[in-house]
Protein backbone atom coordinates (compact mmCIF):
# COMPACT_ATOMS: atom_id res chain seq x y z
CA MET A 1 72.51 -74.17 -47.39
CA THR A 2 73.92 -71.36 -45.32
CA ASP A 3 77.22 -71.61 -43.60
CA ILE A 4 76.91 -71.07 -39.84
CA THR A 5 80.12 -69.90 -38.28
CA PRO A 6 80.45 -70.01 -34.52
CA ILE A 7 80.95 -66.75 -32.66
CA PRO A 8 84.40 -66.67 -31.13
CA ALA A 9 84.42 -66.60 -27.32
CA ARG A 10 85.64 -63.43 -25.72
CA PRO A 11 88.45 -63.77 -23.21
CA ILE A 12 87.59 -63.34 -19.53
CA LYS A 13 88.66 -60.00 -18.09
CA TRP A 14 89.87 -60.76 -14.59
CA SER A 15 89.68 -57.12 -13.53
CA THR A 16 85.96 -57.11 -14.35
CA MET A 17 85.51 -60.35 -12.41
CA ALA A 18 87.30 -58.81 -9.41
CA ASP A 19 85.11 -55.69 -9.61
CA HIS A 20 81.95 -57.81 -9.65
CA ALA A 21 83.19 -59.95 -6.75
CA ILE A 22 83.82 -56.83 -4.66
CA LEU A 23 80.40 -55.40 -5.50
CA ILE A 24 78.60 -58.67 -4.73
CA THR A 25 80.46 -58.99 -1.41
CA GLY A 26 79.46 -55.43 -0.49
CA ALA A 27 75.84 -56.08 -1.44
CA LEU A 28 75.77 -59.18 0.76
CA CYS A 29 77.22 -57.20 3.71
CA MET A 30 74.68 -54.36 3.47
CA PRO A 31 71.77 -56.11 5.29
CA THR A 32 74.00 -57.06 8.25
CA PRO A 33 73.18 -53.97 10.40
CA MET A 34 69.44 -54.46 9.87
CA LEU A 35 69.72 -58.12 10.83
CA MET A 36 71.56 -57.09 14.01
CA VAL A 37 68.78 -54.62 14.83
CA LEU A 38 66.17 -57.34 14.26
CA GLN A 39 68.07 -59.70 16.55
CA THR A 40 68.52 -57.06 19.25
CA VAL A 41 64.88 -55.97 19.24
CA THR A 42 63.64 -59.53 19.65
CA THR A 43 65.66 -60.35 22.77
CA THR A 44 65.51 -58.97 26.31
CA ASP A 45 67.88 -56.23 27.41
CA VAL A 46 69.54 -58.50 29.96
CA GLN A 47 70.13 -61.23 27.39
CA THR A 48 71.64 -58.77 24.92
CA ILE A 49 73.91 -57.21 27.55
CA GLN A 50 75.09 -60.58 28.89
CA ASN A 51 75.64 -62.37 25.58
CA GLY A 52 76.07 -59.52 23.10
CA PRO A 53 74.75 -59.83 19.56
CA GLU A 54 73.95 -63.43 18.70
CA PHE A 55 72.61 -65.18 15.64
CA VAL A 56 69.32 -66.11 17.32
CA ILE A 57 65.95 -64.44 16.99
CA GLY A 58 64.14 -64.07 20.31
CA ASN A 59 60.45 -63.91 21.15
CA GLN A 60 60.28 -60.47 22.81
CA PHE A 61 59.47 -58.42 19.71
CA VAL A 62 55.97 -57.31 20.73
CA ALA A 63 56.96 -56.37 24.29
CA ASN A 64 60.05 -54.46 23.14
CA PHE A 65 58.13 -52.70 20.37
CA HIS A 66 55.46 -51.58 22.83
CA LYS A 67 58.14 -50.35 25.23
CA ILE A 68 59.95 -48.42 22.49
CA MET A 69 56.89 -46.82 20.92
CA PHE A 70 54.59 -46.05 23.82
CA GLU A 71 56.58 -45.80 27.06
CA ALA A 72 58.26 -42.49 27.82
CA SER A 73 62.02 -42.62 28.25
CA GLY A 74 65.08 -40.45 27.73
CA PHE A 75 66.92 -38.14 30.11
CA PHE A 76 63.79 -36.43 31.37
CA GLY A 77 61.31 -39.26 30.80
CA GLU A 78 59.27 -37.24 28.30
CA ASN A 79 60.06 -38.82 24.93
CA SER A 80 58.27 -41.79 23.46
CA GLY A 81 58.77 -43.42 20.10
CA THR A 82 55.51 -42.04 18.73
CA SER A 83 56.38 -38.44 19.67
CA MET A 84 59.78 -38.79 18.01
CA LEU A 85 58.14 -40.35 14.93
CA ILE A 86 55.67 -37.46 14.68
CA ASN A 87 58.47 -34.89 15.08
CA SER A 88 60.52 -36.60 12.37
CA MET A 89 57.53 -36.70 10.03
CA ILE A 90 56.83 -33.00 10.54
CA LEU A 91 60.46 -32.08 9.90
CA GLY A 92 60.71 -34.34 6.85
CA LEU A 93 57.54 -32.96 5.27
CA ASP A 94 58.59 -29.37 5.98
CA PHE A 95 62.01 -29.88 4.42
CA ALA A 96 60.50 -31.61 1.37
CA LEU A 97 57.89 -28.89 0.83
CA GLY A 98 60.51 -26.17 1.36
CA LYS A 99 62.81 -27.72 -1.25
CA ILE A 100 59.93 -28.01 -3.71
CA VAL A 101 58.94 -24.36 -3.23
CA ILE A 102 62.52 -23.13 -3.59
CA GLY A 103 63.00 -25.33 -6.67
CA MET A 104 59.81 -23.97 -8.27
CA MET A 105 60.89 -20.37 -7.63
CA THR A 106 64.32 -21.12 -9.10
CA ALA A 107 62.80 -22.75 -12.18
CA TYR A 108 60.48 -19.76 -12.65
CA ALA A 109 63.42 -17.37 -12.43
CA LEU A 110 65.49 -19.37 -14.91
CA VAL A 111 62.68 -19.63 -17.44
CA TYR A 112 61.23 -16.11 -17.36
CA PHE A 113 64.24 -13.92 -16.62
CA ARG A 114 67.35 -13.37 -18.69
CA LEU A 115 70.18 -14.43 -16.42
CA ARG A 116 73.79 -14.23 -17.39
CA PHE A 117 75.46 -17.67 -17.66
CA ALA A 118 72.12 -19.51 -17.16
CA THR A 119 72.64 -21.65 -20.26
CA PHE A 120 76.24 -22.28 -19.25
CA ALA A 121 75.12 -23.47 -15.81
CA PHE A 122 72.64 -25.95 -17.29
């Protein structure tokens, strides 16, 4: 018969517990701005201005979404949500493609040319 010895329990490190408590608290606070946006977009403008942010979800989501995306607004009345979304998509794709092209050219230069301090840099 084999002798089974229990594994001794490790002591609790209170500094580790405090670190985890801080991280969990921060993770629980992260969705707060998105919840405030959801609340604001589902209520009327007048209700939000009069009462401020509340913990209630309204029923104006579809009307507000249509107003944001398809009605022109801004200083000159020319911008709609869809035009801004298209502009952001064009800029994002251009920046991503530009970074990829520059990265490929840099990789080509590092592989095929003898550069001083290249191995030190990487």
